[in-house]
Amino acid sequence: MFEKEEKELEKSKDLYNEYAFSDDQANSAILKGIHRGKELKLKKRKLRPLKILLTASIIIISFFTTVNVSETMATYMKNIPGMDKIIELVRYDKGLLAAAENDYIQKVNASVEHAGIQLTIDSVIYDEKSLTLFYNFHAENEDLHVIGDFKLLNNKGEELSTQKHGTVWSIENSLLELRFTLNGQKQLPKDLIVSAQFSIDGQNYKDVWEIPLHLDESKFVEKKVFKLNETVVIEGQEMTIKNIVIYPSQTDVHVSFNPQNSKQIFGFNDLRLVDETGEVWDLRVKGNDSINEDEFIIHLESNYFSNPKKLNLQFSSLRALDKDERWLEIDPVNKKILKAPKDGRFKEVEIWEDEIRIKLETKSNSNVDLIFTHAIDQNGNIIGENEGVGIAPDKDSIIYQIPYPSEKAPPGPIKLELLDYPATIEKEVNIKIK
């Protein structure tokens, strides 16, 4: 059971993003997700299990979209061995596709091998803010589940503070994508080291796989900055679009929210750039890079190489919830919801072995996947600290699998802080950029 789902998951091109987890949590969650998929037997309906696995700032999602490749790109692909695999990876992202088309990619072809695991970097796309790695790794024994923990170091061996999005476990004969985005205002150094450690079936290897990178300075180009400071009010909630920065790899939209707002804003559902022809560059990944609770940066596709005459920022829907409704409280003993958002989307609390399962009624395309990372007891202690929250999405609902080791967990009510939620506020907004 669920063998088909596991194969589909392995074949998918995954992108992860944005909630902080320890390495132990991530590795444990991934392996547990793989094995739990075989065991998951939900009553009432058959669901496809998908484990949300995060490391640093991680969330797994799958993209299957089509973008026509131009004749220029087709010619370029013929000149660079393996380029067709890279195009297959970036075809969902107009910015990265344009970067490759404009020769904004550096071939690396470097490998290192330890303990029967080979790591190979094929090529990179980069700018002063981020580095996108096209790579693969595999173990001699292909039946083993291998998971990588990747870091980006400077030439002194010091780790850079980054957010990571991409695939971190081996998919047979596939090129993988992993993006590092720098935190703060620092610029990407020209000399780097890609460092990795691996776990095989839950066993962490002490070996370190390292590949040095020297980035071609000619491919660092000037970012485009547009200062806006446009304030918008939607259903009584005030927000300011402070500025937009366009890099070759992505567009950063810096947004702040009035701390006095009655609602917590979780994110935009349809934020996008639109040029004079109606062409759209939209959200790259679900989620935001938080500066603080009331300020974050949203990443859109880049139109750096397009140079439109006119460019607008548009949106009409945001996810938001009253601040006094941000905590979900559950009584595990009596399987009751004690406190939840007033819209009543949370349903059916069940206890399954060492986890609590609760259903959230929402459409599968609601831009919401992981809405909390862990439960806490009445003393504020994390329950199941080394476990990850899982999800089983269905057409009109998501069932969340919350770690709850019954022998160790307290019997009293538990609480979960909502980090996202499918409730929305709406208004058509169009802001001129140029």
Foldseek 3Di string as FASTA:
>chain_A
DLPVLLLVVLPFWKKWFADAADPLAQVQQVLCQSVVQVVDDDPPDDFRWDFFGDHGTTGIDGDDDADDQDPLRVVLCVVDPPVVQVCVNCRVFPLVSVCVSVVQKAADFDWDDDPQKIKTWGIWHDEFFKIKTWIAMAGPPNVWKKFKDKFKAAPVRHTFAWIKMWGGTHRPPHIIIMMTGGPDDGTDDQKMKIKMWMAISSRTDPDIDIDIGGHDPVSHDDKDKFADQDWDAFPNWIKTFGIWIADSFWIKTKMFTDPPGQKQWQWFLWKWKAAPVGDIWTAPAQGFADPDSGITIGITRHCPVVPGPWMKIKGWKTFIAGPVAQKWKAQQVVQDTPGHGPVPQKDGWDDDQFWIKIKGFAAPSLSDDDFFWFKADPVRHTAPSSYGKIWGDDGGMIIITHGHNPVPHDNGMIMTGTSTDSDMTTDIDMGTRD
